[in-house]
Amino acid sequence: MQSVFPHTYAEIQQDRPKEQLLQELREAIDIRRASRQCAEDHDSEAAWNDEVHSRVLRLALRPCSEVGYKNITTARIQPARLVPRHVSGNVLESKMVDYAIYLAPDEEMRVVIRDTLRLLQPKESQSINQTMYDSLRQRPIAISIETKTPNAPEEQVGVQLGVWVAAHFTRLHGLVTTYRCRRCPCSLLPAMTGMSSLLRVGPRGFL
């Protein structure tokens, strides 16, 4: 088991009512029970997402109004030119991921994002992200998450996250270049797997 460090937990809302904290604990215990049941039943990835992963994200992000999450299993990389190419020159398959944790801009920032995209991008590609998934077009993706069942091959996770995040970097680089913002370098993007792994991804791959 990994060690717990002082910075593991954010020091926020410490004055919340005891009953509210106990309710969160009960929810966490119930999620743990559900995860054990999914493992025993050898459930599919979709079942794990429904019974465990979505509930974990909902519980974890509930106190944080500045961020949110979306199940994006149907989101595709768009426009198609963002999909990475193999060294052979062939376009890689547009792999999907399961969740995105996004930044929730206030109304002022939302207007800035909307107007900037309208100014710089054609209508068919007006999104700050590497997808035209409607609810994420003006909400910057902060963390991408790919989930897998416990017995799934881990290398498959790396491929899916790699393709998705490579497209994300291409998108950000295009926006920065178009906007001529030399003070906004693309550095690292966090990516997570459902196998309890946190990956830091740079323009040249996983770190």
N, C-alpha and C. Protein backbone atom coordinates (compact mmCIF):
# COMPACT_ATOMS: atom_id res chain seq x y z
N MET A 1 0.85 -1.20 0.00
CA MET A 1 0.00 0.00 0.00
C MET A 1 0.88 1.24 0.00
N GLN A 2 0.49 2.22 -0.78
CA GLN A 2 1.28 3.44 -0.87
C GLN A 2 1.12 4.25 0.40
N SER A 3 2.17 5.02 0.72
CA SER A 3 2.13 5.86 1.91
C SER A 3 1.18 7.03 1.70
N VAL A 4 0.63 7.53 2.79
CA VAL A 4 -0.22 8.70 2.76
C VAL A 4 0.61 9.88 3.25
N PHE A 5 0.69 10.91 2.43
CA PHE A 5 1.50 12.06 2.75
C PHE A 5 0.61 13.22 3.23
N PRO A 6 1.20 14.20 3.93
CA PRO A 6 0.39 15.33 4.42
C PRO A 6 -0.35 16.07 3.32
N HIS A 7 0.23 16.10 2.11
CA HIS A 7 -0.41 16.85 1.03
C HIS A 7 -1.41 16.00 0.24
N THR A 8 -1.66 14.77 0.68
CA THR A 8 -2.56 13.90 -0.05
C THR A 8 -3.98 14.46 -0.07
N TYR A 9 -4.38 15.12 1.00
CA TYR A 9 -5.74 15.63 1.11
C TYR A 9 -5.71 17.16 1.13
N ALA A 10 -6.59 17.76 0.35
CA ALA A 10 -6.68 19.22 0.31
C ALA A 10 -7.35 19.73 1.59
N GLU A 11 -6.85 20.83 2.09
CA GLU A 11 -7.42 21.41 3.30
C GLU A 11 -8.52 22.39 2.92
N ILE A 12 -9.68 21.84 2.59
CA ILE A 12 -10.81 22.66 2.19
C ILE A 12 -12.05 22.24 2.97
N GLN A 13 -12.90 23.21 3.23
CA GLN A 13 -14.20 22.97 3.85
C GLN A 13 -14.10 22.08 5.10
N GLN A 14 -13.17 22.42 5.97
CA GLN A 14 -13.00 21.63 7.18
C GLN A 14 -14.14 21.85 8.17
N ASP A 15 -14.93 22.89 7.95
CA ASP A 15 -16.01 23.20 8.86
C ASP A 15 -17.33 22.56 8.45
N ARG A 16 -17.29 21.59 7.56
CA ARG A 16 -18.52 20.95 7.11
C ARG A 16 -19.14 20.15 8.25
N PRO A 17 -20.45 20.02 8.26
CA PRO A 17 -21.13 19.29 9.34
C PRO A 17 -20.66 17.84 9.42
N LYS A 18 -20.64 17.32 10.64
CA LYS A 18 -20.21 15.95 10.86
C LYS A 18 -21.06 14.96 10.07
N GLU A 19 -22.36 15.19 10.01
CA GLU A 19 -23.26 14.28 9.30
C GLU A 19 -22.93 14.22 7.81
N GLN A 20 -22.54 15.37 7.25
CA GLN A 20 -22.16 15.39 5.84
C GLN A 20 -20.91 14.55 5.59
N LEU A 21 -19.94 14.66 6.48
CA LEU A 21 -18.72 13.87 6.35
C LEU A 21 -19.00 12.38 6.52
N LEU A 22 -19.88 12.05 7.46
CA LEU A 22 -20.24 10.65 7.66
C LEU A 22 -20.98 10.09 6.45
N GLN A 23 -21.79 10.93 5.81
CA GLN A 23 -22.49 10.48 4.61
C GLN A 23 -21.49 10.18 3.50
N GLU A 24 -20.46 11.00 3.35
CA GLU A 24 -19.42 10.73 2.37
C GLU A 24 -18.72 9.41 2.67
N LEU A 25 -18.45 9.17 3.95
CA LEU A 25 -17.82 7.92 4.34
C LEU A 25 -18.70 6.73 3.99
N ARG A 26 -19.99 6.85 4.22
CA ARG A 26 -20.91 5.75 3.88
C ARG A 26 -20.93 5.50 2.38
N GLU A 27 -20.89 6.60 1.61
CA GLU A 27 -20.85 6.46 0.15
C GLU A 27 -19.57 5.77 -0.30
N ALA A 28 -18.45 6.14 0.31
CA ALA A 28 -17.16 5.53 -0.05
C ALA A 28 -17.17 4.03 0.27
N ILE A 29 -17.73 3.68 1.41
CA ILE A 29 -17.81 2.27 1.78
C ILE A 29 -18.70 1.51 0.80
N ASP A 30 -19.78 2.14 0.38
CA ASP A 30 -20.68 1.48 -0.57
C ASP A 30 -20.01 1.32 -1.93
N ILE A 31 -19.20 2.30 -2.34
CA ILE A 31 -18.47 2.18 -3.60
C ILE A 31 -17.45 1.05 -3.52
N ARG A 32 -16.78 0.93 -2.38
CA ARG A 32 -15.84 -0.18 -2.21
C ARG A 32 -16.56 -1.51 -2.32
N ARG A 33 -17.73 -1.59 -1.74
CA ARG A 33 -18.51 -2.82 -1.81
C ARG A 33 -18.88 -3.13 -3.27
N ALA A 34 -19.25 -2.09 -4.01
CA ALA A 34 -19.61 -2.27 -5.42
C ALA A 34 -18.41 -2.72 -6.24
N SER A 35 -17.25 -2.19 -5.93
CA SER A 35 -16.06 -2.57 -6.69
C SER A 35 -15.71 -4.03 -6.47
N ARG A 36 -15.87 -4.49 -5.24
CA ARG A 36 -15.61 -5.91 -4.96
C ARG A 36 -16.59 -6.80 -5.70
N GLN A 37 -17.86 -6.35 -5.78
CA GLN A 37 -18.86 -7.13 -6.48
C GLN A 37 -18.55 -7.19 -7.98
N CYS A 38 -18.12 -6.06 -8.54
CA CYS A 38 -17.75 -6.04 -9.97
C CYS A 38 -16.59 -6.99 -10.24
N ALA A 39 -15.62 -7.01 -9.32
CA ALA A 39 -14.47 -7.90 -9.49
C ALA A 39 -14.89 -9.36 -9.40
N GLU A 40 -15.74 -9.67 -8.44
CA GLU A 40 -16.20 -11.05 -8.29
C GLU A 40 -17.01 -11.52 -9.48
N ASP A 41 -17.80 -10.60 -10.06
CA ASP A 41 -18.67 -10.95 -11.19
C ASP A 41 -17.96 -10.85 -12.54
N HIS A 42 -16.70 -10.42 -12.51
CA HIS A 42 -15.94 -10.22 -13.75
C HIS A 42 -16.71 -9.31 -14.72
N ASP A 43 -17.20 -8.21 -14.18
CA ASP A 43 -18.03 -7.30 -14.96
C ASP A 43 -17.24 -6.59 -16.05
N SER A 44 -17.97 -6.07 -17.01
CA SER A 44 -17.38 -5.37 -18.14
C SER A 44 -16.90 -3.99 -17.72
N GLU A 45 -16.13 -3.37 -18.60
CA GLU A 45 -15.64 -2.01 -18.34
C GLU A 45 -16.80 -1.04 -18.15
N ALA A 46 -17.86 -1.20 -18.96
CA ALA A 46 -19.02 -0.31 -18.85
C ALA A 46 -19.67 -0.44 -17.48
N ALA A 47 -19.76 -1.67 -16.97
CA ALA A 47 -20.35 -1.88 -15.65
C ALA A 47 -19.49 -1.25 -14.56
N TRP A 48 -18.18 -1.41 -14.65
CA TRP A 48 -17.27 -0.77 -13.69
C TRP A 48 -17.45 0.75 -13.72
N ASN A 49 -17.56 1.31 -14.92
CA ASN A 49 -17.75 2.76 -15.03
C ASN A 49 -19.03 3.20 -14.34
N ASP A 50 -20.10 2.45 -14.56
CA ASP A 50 -21.40 2.82 -14.01
C ASP A 50 -21.45 2.65 -12.51
N GLU A 51 -20.95 1.54 -12.01
CA GLU A 51 -21.10 1.20 -10.60
C GLU A 51 -19.99 1.76 -9.71
N VAL A 52 -18.82 2.03 -10.29
CA VAL A 52 -17.68 2.41 -9.47
C VAL A 52 -17.07 3.75 -9.89
N HIS A 53 -16.54 3.80 -11.10
CA HIS A 53 -15.73 4.96 -11.49
C HIS A 53 -16.51 6.27 -11.49
N SER A 54 -17.72 6.26 -12.05
CA SER A 54 -18.52 7.49 -12.05
C SER A 54 -18.83 7.95 -10.63
N ARG A 55 -19.10 7.00 -9.78
CA ARG A 55 -19.43 7.34 -8.39
C ARG A 55 -18.23 7.89 -7.64
N VAL A 56 -17.05 7.35 -7.92
CA VAL A 56 -15.83 7.87 -7.29
C VAL A 56 -15.60 9.32 -7.71
N LEU A 57 -15.71 9.59 -9.00
CA LEU A 57 -15.49 10.95 -9.49
C LEU A 57 -16.53 11.92 -8.94
N ARG A 58 -17.78 11.47 -8.90
CA ARG A 58 -18.84 12.33 -8.38
C ARG A 58 -18.58 12.68 -6.92
N LEU A 59 -18.19 11.70 -6.14
CA LEU A 59 -17.93 11.93 -4.72
C LEU A 59 -16.71 12.81 -4.51
N ALA A 60 -15.65 12.55 -5.28
CA ALA A 60 -14.40 13.30 -5.10
C ALA A 60 -14.52 14.76 -5.52
N LEU A 61 -15.29 15.01 -6.58
CA LEU A 61 -15.34 16.37 -7.13
C LEU A 61 -16.52 17.19 -6.62
N ARG A 62 -17.37 16.58 -5.83
CA ARG A 62 -18.56 17.29 -5.35
C ARG A 62 -18.25 18.60 -4.65
N PRO A 63 -17.19 18.67 -3.81
CA PRO A 63 -16.91 19.95 -3.13
C PRO A 63 -16.23 20.98 -4.02
N CYS A 64 -15.87 20.63 -5.25
CA CYS A 64 -15.04 21.50 -6.09
C CYS A 64 -15.87 22.10 -7.23
N SER A 65 -16.34 23.30 -7.06
CA SER A 65 -17.17 23.93 -8.08
C SER A 65 -16.37 24.35 -9.31
N GLU A 66 -15.03 24.41 -9.17
CA GLU A 66 -14.19 24.89 -10.27
C GLU A 66 -13.90 23.81 -11.30
N VAL A 67 -14.21 22.57 -10.98
CA VAL A 67 -13.96 21.48 -11.91
C VAL A 67 -15.17 20.57 -11.97
N GLY A 68 -15.23 19.76 -13.02
CA GLY A 68 -16.29 18.77 -13.15
C GLY A 68 -15.77 17.61 -13.97
N TYR A 69 -16.63 16.63 -14.20
CA TYR A 69 -16.21 15.49 -15.00
C TYR A 69 -17.31 15.11 -15.98
N LYS A 70 -16.91 14.45 -17.06
CA LYS A 70 -17.84 13.96 -18.06
C LYS A 70 -17.45 12.54 -18.45
N ASN A 71 -18.44 11.70 -18.63
CA ASN A 71 -18.22 10.41 -19.27
C ASN A 71 -18.18 10.68 -20.77
N ILE A 72 -17.03 10.41 -21.39
CA ILE A 72 -16.87 10.79 -22.80
C ILE A 72 -16.55 9.57 -23.67
N THR A 73 -17.15 8.43 -23.34
CA THR A 73 -16.88 7.21 -24.11
C THR A 73 -17.34 7.33 -25.56
N THR A 74 -18.22 8.27 -25.86
CA THR A 74 -18.67 8.44 -27.24
C THR A 74 -17.96 9.60 -27.95
N ALA A 75 -17.08 10.30 -27.24
CA ALA A 75 -16.37 11.44 -27.85
C ALA A 75 -15.30 10.93 -28.81
N ARG A 76 -15.20 11.56 -29.95
CA ARG A 76 -14.19 11.22 -30.94
C ARG A 76 -13.21 12.38 -31.11
N ILE A 77 -12.01 12.05 -31.56
CA ILE A 77 -11.04 13.09 -31.88
C ILE A 77 -11.51 13.80 -33.14
N GLN A 78 -11.71 15.09 -33.02
CA GLN A 78 -12.13 15.91 -34.15
C GLN A 78 -11.50 17.30 -34.03
N PRO A 79 -11.17 17.90 -35.19
CA PRO A 79 -11.24 17.37 -36.56
C PRO A 79 -10.27 16.20 -36.76
N ALA A 80 -10.49 15.45 -37.83
CA ALA A 80 -9.73 14.23 -38.09
C ALA A 80 -8.24 14.49 -38.24
N ARG A 81 -7.86 15.70 -38.64
CA ARG A 81 -6.44 16.01 -38.84
C ARG A 81 -5.65 15.98 -37.53
N LEU A 82 -6.35 15.97 -36.38
CA LEU A 82 -5.67 15.91 -35.09
C LEU A 82 -5.24 14.50 -34.72
N VAL A 83 -5.80 13.49 -35.39
CA VAL A 83 -5.45 12.11 -35.07
C VAL A 83 -4.00 11.87 -35.48
N PRO A 84 -3.16 11.36 -34.57
CA PRO A 84 -1.75 11.15 -34.88
C PRO A 84 -1.54 10.14 -36.01
N ARG A 85 -0.39 10.23 -36.63
CA ARG A 85 0.00 9.29 -37.69
C ARG A 85 1.11 8.38 -37.20
N HIS A 86 1.10 7.16 -37.71
CA HIS A 86 2.16 6.21 -37.42
C HIS A 86 3.41 6.64 -38.18
N VAL A 87 4.58 6.13 -37.77
CA VAL A 87 5.82 6.49 -38.47
C VAL A 87 5.75 6.11 -39.95
N SER A 88 4.88 5.15 -40.27
CA SER A 88 4.70 4.75 -41.67
C SER A 88 3.92 5.78 -42.46
N GLY A 89 3.31 6.72 -41.74
CA GLY A 89 2.49 7.73 -42.41
C GLY A 89 1.01 7.44 -42.33
N ASN A 90 0.64 6.25 -41.89
CA ASN A 90 -0.77 5.90 -41.78
C ASN A 90 -1.39 6.56 -40.56
N VAL A 91 -2.65 6.95 -40.69
CA VAL A 91 -3.36 7.57 -39.58
C VAL A 91 -3.73 6.50 -38.57
N LEU A 92 -3.42 6.75 -37.29
CA LEU A 92 -3.77 5.80 -36.23
C LEU A 92 -5.27 5.82 -35.98
N GLU A 93 -5.77 4.72 -35.45
CA GLU A 93 -7.19 4.65 -35.12
C GLU A 93 -7.51 5.69 -34.05
N SER A 94 -8.66 6.35 -34.21
CA SER A 94 -9.07 7.38 -33.26
C SER A 94 -9.58 6.73 -31.98
N LYS A 95 -8.68 6.49 -31.05
CA LYS A 95 -9.03 5.82 -29.81
C LYS A 95 -9.80 6.76 -28.89
N MET A 96 -10.73 6.18 -28.12
CA MET A 96 -11.51 6.95 -27.17
C MET A 96 -11.03 6.68 -25.76
N VAL A 97 -11.30 7.61 -24.85
CA VAL A 97 -11.07 7.40 -23.44
C VAL A 97 -12.41 7.47 -22.72
N ASP A 98 -12.39 7.27 -21.42
CA ASP A 98 -13.65 7.13 -20.70
C ASP A 98 -14.15 8.41 -20.02
N TYR A 99 -13.23 9.15 -19.41
CA TYR A 99 -13.65 10.33 -18.66
C TYR A 99 -12.71 11.50 -18.93
N ALA A 100 -13.26 12.68 -18.75
CA ALA A 100 -12.46 13.90 -18.76
C ALA A 100 -12.82 14.72 -17.53
N ILE A 101 -11.81 15.13 -16.78
CA ILE A 101 -12.02 16.12 -15.73
C ILE A 101 -11.70 17.48 -16.35
N TYR A 102 -12.65 18.36 -16.30
CA TYR A 102 -12.50 19.64 -17.00
C TYR A 102 -12.51 20.81 -16.02
N LEU A 103 -11.96 21.93 -16.48
CA LEU A 103 -12.04 23.17 -15.73
C LEU A 103 -13.36 23.85 -16.06
N ALA A 104 -14.04 24.35 -15.05
CA ALA A 104 -15.33 25.00 -15.24
C ALA A 104 -15.14 26.51 -15.23
N PRO A 105 -15.00 27.13 -16.39
CA PRO A 105 -14.76 28.58 -16.43
C PRO A 105 -15.99 29.36 -15.97
N ASP A 106 -15.73 30.51 -15.33
CA ASP A 106 -16.86 31.36 -14.98
C ASP A 106 -17.40 32.03 -16.24
N GLU A 107 -18.44 32.80 -16.11
CA GLU A 107 -19.11 33.36 -17.29
C GLU A 107 -18.18 34.26 -18.09
N GLU A 108 -17.36 35.05 -17.38
CA GLU A 108 -16.44 35.94 -18.08
C GLU A 108 -15.43 35.16 -18.92
N MET A 109 -14.85 34.11 -18.35
CA MET A 109 -13.89 33.31 -19.08
C MET A 109 -14.56 32.52 -20.21
N ARG A 110 -15.78 32.09 -19.98
CA ARG A 110 -16.51 31.37 -21.03
C ARG A 110 -16.71 32.26 -22.27
N VAL A 111 -17.01 33.53 -22.02
CA VAL A 111 -17.18 34.47 -23.13
C VAL A 111 -15.86 34.66 -23.87
N VAL A 112 -14.76 34.76 -23.11
CA VAL A 112 -13.44 34.92 -23.73
C VAL A 112 -13.12 33.71 -24.60
N ILE A 113 -13.35 32.51 -24.08
CA ILE A 113 -13.08 31.29 -24.84
C ILE A 113 -13.94 31.24 -26.10
N ARG A 114 -15.23 31.51 -25.93
CA ARG A 114 -16.15 31.47 -27.08
C ARG A 114 -15.74 32.46 -28.16
N ASP A 115 -15.47 33.70 -27.76
CA ASP A 115 -15.12 34.74 -28.75
C ASP A 115 -13.78 34.45 -29.41
N THR A 116 -12.82 33.92 -28.64
CA THR A 116 -11.51 33.60 -29.20
C THR A 116 -11.63 32.49 -30.23
N LEU A 117 -12.40 31.46 -29.93
CA LEU A 117 -12.58 30.36 -30.88
C LEU A 117 -13.29 30.84 -32.14
N ARG A 118 -14.26 31.69 -31.99
CA ARG A 118 -14.97 32.23 -33.16
C ARG A 118 -14.04 33.05 -34.04
N LEU A 119 -13.11 33.74 -33.40
CA LEU A 119 -12.18 34.59 -34.14
C LEU A 119 -11.12 33.77 -34.87
N LEU A 120 -10.65 32.69 -34.23
CA LEU A 120 -9.49 31.98 -34.74
C LEU A 120 -9.81 30.71 -35.50
N GLN A 121 -10.98 30.12 -35.28
CA GLN A 121 -11.26 28.80 -35.83
C GLN A 121 -12.51 28.81 -36.72
N PRO A 122 -12.50 27.99 -37.78
CA PRO A 122 -13.72 27.83 -38.57
C PRO A 122 -14.80 27.18 -37.73
N LYS A 123 -16.05 27.35 -38.11
CA LYS A 123 -17.18 26.91 -37.31
C LYS A 123 -17.12 25.42 -36.98
N GLU A 124 -16.66 24.60 -37.95
CA GLU A 124 -16.67 23.16 -37.76
C GLU A 124 -15.60 22.67 -36.78
N SER A 125 -14.70 23.53 -36.34
CA SER A 125 -13.65 23.11 -35.41
C SER A 125 -13.51 24.07 -34.23
N GLN A 126 -14.60 24.72 -33.86
CA GLN A 126 -14.56 25.66 -32.74
C GLN A 126 -14.67 24.91 -31.41
N SER A 127 -13.54 24.38 -30.97
CA SER A 127 -13.46 23.70 -29.68
C SER A 127 -12.08 23.95 -29.10
N ILE A 128 -12.04 24.15 -27.80
CA ILE A 128 -10.74 24.36 -27.15
C ILE A 128 -10.03 23.03 -26.94
N ASN A 129 -10.74 21.93 -27.11
CA ASN A 129 -10.17 20.60 -26.93
C ASN A 129 -10.04 19.86 -28.26
N GLN A 130 -9.59 18.60 -28.18
CA GLN A 130 -9.35 17.81 -29.37
C GLN A 130 -10.58 17.02 -29.79
N THR A 131 -11.74 17.47 -29.36
CA THR A 131 -12.99 16.81 -29.70
C THR A 131 -14.08 17.86 -29.85
N MET A 132 -15.08 17.52 -30.65
CA MET A 132 -16.22 18.42 -30.81
C MET A 132 -17.38 17.99 -29.91
N TYR A 133 -17.10 17.15 -28.93
CA TYR A 133 -18.11 16.76 -27.94
C TYR A 133 -18.68 18.03 -27.34
N ASP A 134 -19.98 18.23 -27.52
CA ASP A 134 -20.57 19.56 -27.35
C ASP A 134 -20.32 20.18 -25.98
N SER A 135 -20.50 19.42 -24.92
CA SER A 135 -20.37 20.02 -23.58
C SER A 135 -18.93 20.30 -23.18
N LEU A 136 -17.96 19.89 -24.01
CA LEU A 136 -16.55 20.17 -23.70
C LEU A 136 -15.92 21.17 -24.67
N ARG A 137 -16.69 21.71 -25.56
CA ARG A 137 -16.11 22.61 -26.55
C ARG A 137 -15.54 23.88 -25.91
N GLN A 138 -16.13 24.32 -24.82
CA GLN A 138 -15.66 25.54 -24.15
C GLN A 138 -15.22 25.27 -22.71
N ARG A 139 -15.01 24.00 -22.38
CA ARG A 139 -14.51 23.63 -21.06
C ARG A 139 -13.18 22.92 -21.22
N PRO A 140 -12.08 23.53 -20.87
CA PRO A 140 -10.76 22.91 -21.08
C PRO A 140 -10.60 21.60 -20.31
N ILE A 141 -10.16 20.56 -21.02
CA ILE A 141 -9.88 19.29 -20.36
C ILE A 141 -8.59 19.41 -19.57
N ALA A 142 -8.65 19.05 -18.29
CA ALA A 142 -7.47 19.10 -17.43
C ALA A 142 -6.84 17.72 -17.27
N ILE A 143 -7.67 16.70 -17.11
CA ILE A 143 -7.18 15.33 -16.91
C ILE A 143 -8.01 14.37 -17.75
N SER A 144 -7.34 13.50 -18.48
CA SER A 144 -8.02 12.46 -19.26
C SER A 144 -7.87 11.14 -18.52
N ILE A 145 -8.93 10.35 -18.49
CA ILE A 145 -8.94 9.10 -17.73
C ILE A 145 -9.41 7.96 -18.62
N GLU A 146 -8.63 6.91 -18.66
CA GLU A 146 -9.01 5.68 -19.37
C GLU A 146 -9.14 4.57 -18.33
N THR A 147 -10.29 3.94 -18.31
CA THR A 147 -10.52 2.87 -17.34
C THR A 147 -10.44 1.51 -18.03
N LYS A 148 -10.05 0.52 -17.25
CA LYS A 148 -10.00 -0.86 -17.74
C LYS A 148 -10.38 -1.79 -16.59
N THR A 149 -10.85 -2.95 -16.92
CA THR A 149 -11.12 -3.96 -15.90
C THR A 149 -9.79 -4.46 -15.36
N PRO A 150 -9.79 -5.06 -14.17
CA PRO A 150 -8.51 -5.47 -13.54
C PRO A 150 -7.66 -6.40 -14.40
N ASN A 151 -8.27 -7.20 -15.27
CA ASN A 151 -7.51 -8.16 -16.06
C ASN A 151 -7.16 -7.68 -17.46
N ALA A 152 -7.50 -6.44 -17.77
CA ALA A 152 -7.23 -5.92 -19.12
C ALA A 152 -5.73 -5.67 -19.29
N PRO A 153 -5.20 -5.85 -20.50
CA PRO A 153 -3.77 -5.60 -20.74
C PRO A 153 -3.43 -4.13 -20.58
N GLU A 154 -2.42 -3.85 -19.77
CA GLU A 154 -2.08 -2.46 -19.45
C GLU A 154 -1.55 -1.71 -20.66
N GLU A 155 -0.89 -2.41 -21.60
CA GLU A 155 -0.35 -1.72 -22.76
C GLU A 155 -1.44 -1.10 -23.62
N GLN A 156 -2.64 -1.71 -23.59
CA GLN A 156 -3.76 -1.16 -24.36
C GLN A 156 -4.16 0.21 -23.83
N VAL A 157 -4.07 0.36 -22.51
CA VAL A 157 -4.38 1.65 -21.89
C VAL A 157 -3.43 2.72 -22.40
N GLY A 158 -2.14 2.37 -22.46
CA GLY A 158 -1.14 3.34 -22.92
C GLY A 158 -1.38 3.79 -24.34
N VAL A 159 -1.81 2.87 -25.19
CA VAL A 159 -2.09 3.22 -26.59
C VAL A 159 -3.25 4.20 -26.66
N GLN A 160 -4.34 3.88 -25.96
CA GLN A 160 -5.52 4.75 -26.03
C GLN A 160 -5.23 6.13 -25.47
N LEU A 161 -4.59 6.19 -24.31
CA LEU A 161 -4.25 7.49 -23.74
C LEU A 161 -3.25 8.23 -24.61
N GLY A 162 -2.29 7.47 -25.18
CA GLY A 162 -1.28 8.11 -26.02
C GLY A 162 -1.86 8.81 -27.23
N VAL A 163 -2.77 8.13 -27.92
CA VAL A 163 -3.41 8.72 -29.10
C VAL A 163 -4.25 9.93 -28.71
N TRP A 164 -5.03 9.78 -27.64
CA TRP A 164 -5.91 10.86 -27.20
C TRP A 164 -5.13 12.10 -26.77
N VAL A 165 -4.08 11.90 -25.97
CA VAL A 165 -3.31 13.03 -25.45
C VAL A 165 -2.45 13.65 -26.54
N ALA A 166 -1.95 12.84 -27.48
CA ALA A 166 -1.19 13.40 -28.60
C ALA A 166 -2.06 14.36 -29.40
N ALA A 167 -3.31 13.97 -29.61
CA ALA A 167 -4.24 14.86 -30.30
C ALA A 167 -4.50 16.12 -29.49
N HIS A 168 -4.53 15.98 -28.16
CA HIS A 168 -4.73 17.13 -27.29
C HIS A 168 -3.58 18.13 -27.43
N PHE A 169 -2.35 17.62 -27.43
CA PHE A 169 -1.19 18.49 -27.60
C PHE A 169 -1.22 19.18 -28.96
N THR A 170 -1.59 18.45 -29.99
CA THR A 170 -1.66 19.04 -31.32
C THR A 170 -2.68 20.17 -31.35
N ARG A 171 -3.81 19.94 -30.67
CA ARG A 171 -4.85 20.97 -30.61
C ARG A 171 -4.35 22.21 -29.88
N LEU A 172 -3.74 22.00 -28.70
CA LEU A 172 -3.25 23.14 -27.93
C LEU A 172 -2.15 23.89 -28.68
N HIS A 173 -1.27 23.14 -29.32
CA HIS A 173 -0.19 23.78 -30.09
C HIS A 173 -0.78 24.62 -31.22
N GLY A 174 -1.82 24.10 -31.87
CA GLY A 174 -2.45 24.86 -32.95
C GLY A 174 -3.09 26.14 -32.45
N LEU A 175 -3.75 26.08 -31.29
CA LEU A 175 -4.37 27.28 -30.74
C LEU A 175 -3.33 28.30 -30.32
N VAL A 176 -2.25 27.82 -29.67
CA VAL A 176 -1.19 28.72 -29.23
C VAL A 176 -0.51 29.37 -30.42
N THR A 177 -0.24 28.58 -31.47
CA THR A 177 0.41 29.11 -32.67
C THR A 177 -0.48 30.13 -33.36
N THR A 178 -1.75 29.80 -33.49
CA THR A 178 -2.68 30.72 -34.15
C THR A 178 -2.83 32.01 -33.37
N TYR A 179 -2.86 31.88 -32.04
CA TYR A 179 -3.03 33.05 -31.19
C TYR A 179 -1.72 33.80 -30.99
N ARG A 180 -0.62 33.20 -31.50
CA ARG A 180 0.71 33.81 -31.39
C ARG A 180 1.08 34.10 -29.94
N CYS A 181 0.79 33.13 -29.10
CA CYS A 181 1.05 33.27 -27.67
C CYS A 181 2.32 32.50 -27.32
N ARG A 182 3.46 33.14 -27.37
CA ARG A 182 4.72 32.48 -27.09
C ARG A 182 4.94 32.24 -25.60
N ARG A 183 4.10 32.82 -24.76
CA ARG A 183 4.26 32.65 -23.32
C ARG A 183 3.40 31.49 -22.81
N CYS A 184 2.81 30.74 -23.69
CA CYS A 184 1.93 29.63 -23.29
C CYS A 184 2.45 28.31 -23.83
N PRO A 185 3.60 27.84 -23.35
CA PRO A 185 4.15 26.58 -23.86
C PRO A 185 3.32 25.39 -23.43
N CYS A 186 3.23 24.37 -24.28
CA CYS A 186 2.56 23.13 -23.92
C CYS A 186 3.57 22.26 -23.17
N SER A 187 3.32 21.96 -21.91
CA SER A 187 4.30 21.23 -21.12
C SER A 187 3.80 19.84 -20.77
N LEU A 188 2.97 19.72 -19.73
CA LEU A 188 2.53 18.41 -19.27
C LEU A 188 1.01 18.37 -19.15
N LEU A 189 0.46 17.19 -19.43
CA LEU A 189 -0.96 16.95 -19.23
C LEU A 189 -1.11 15.69 -18.39
N PRO A 190 -1.83 15.76 -17.27
CA PRO A 190 -2.04 14.56 -16.48
C PRO A 190 -3.00 13.61 -17.20
N ALA A 191 -2.72 12.33 -17.12
CA ALA A 191 -3.63 11.32 -17.66
C ALA A 191 -3.67 10.18 -16.66
N MET A 192 -4.84 9.58 -16.49
CA MET A 192 -4.99 8.54 -15.48
C MET A 192 -5.60 7.29 -16.09
N THR A 193 -5.31 6.18 -15.47
CA THR A 193 -5.91 4.91 -15.86
C THR A 193 -6.74 4.38 -14.71
N GLY A 194 -7.68 3.51 -15.05
CA GLY A 194 -8.51 2.88 -14.04
C GLY A 194 -7.76 1.82 -13.27
N MET A 195 -6.47 1.67 -13.55
CA MET A 195 -5.63 0.71 -12.84
C MET A 195 -4.84 1.42 -11.74
N SER A 196 -5.36 2.55 -11.29
CA SER A 196 -4.74 3.32 -10.21
C SER A 196 -3.37 3.86 -10.59
N SER A 197 -3.22 4.24 -11.84
CA SER A 197 -1.95 4.81 -12.30
C SER A 197 -2.15 6.26 -12.69
N LEU A 198 -1.21 7.11 -12.32
CA LEU A 198 -1.22 8.50 -12.76
C LEU A 198 -0.05 8.69 -13.70
N LEU A 199 -0.34 9.08 -14.91
CA LEU A 199 0.69 9.28 -15.91
C LEU A 199 0.80 10.76 -16.22
N ARG A 200 2.04 11.24 -16.33
CA ARG A 200 2.26 12.60 -16.80
C ARG A 200 2.70 12.49 -18.25
N VAL A 201 2.01 13.21 -19.10
CA VAL A 201 2.27 13.07 -20.52
C VAL A 201 2.77 14.39 -21.08
N GLY A 202 3.93 14.34 -21.72
CA GLY A 202 4.48 15.51 -22.37
C GLY A 202 4.34 15.39 -23.87
N PRO A 203 4.76 16.42 -24.62
CA PRO A 203 4.65 16.39 -26.06
C PRO A 203 5.37 15.20 -26.69
N ARG A 204 6.36 14.63 -26.00
CA ARG A 204 7.12 13.52 -26.56
C ARG A 204 6.73 12.16 -25.98
N GLY A 205 5.68 12.15 -25.18
CA GLY A 205 5.20 10.86 -24.67
C GLY A 205 5.08 10.84 -23.16
N PHE A 206 4.88 9.63 -22.61
CA PHE A 206 4.70 9.46 -21.18
C PHE A 206 6.01 9.70 -20.44
N LEU A 207 5.90 10.33 -19.26
CA LEU A 207 7.07 10.64 -18.44
C LEU A 207 7.10 9.72 -17.23
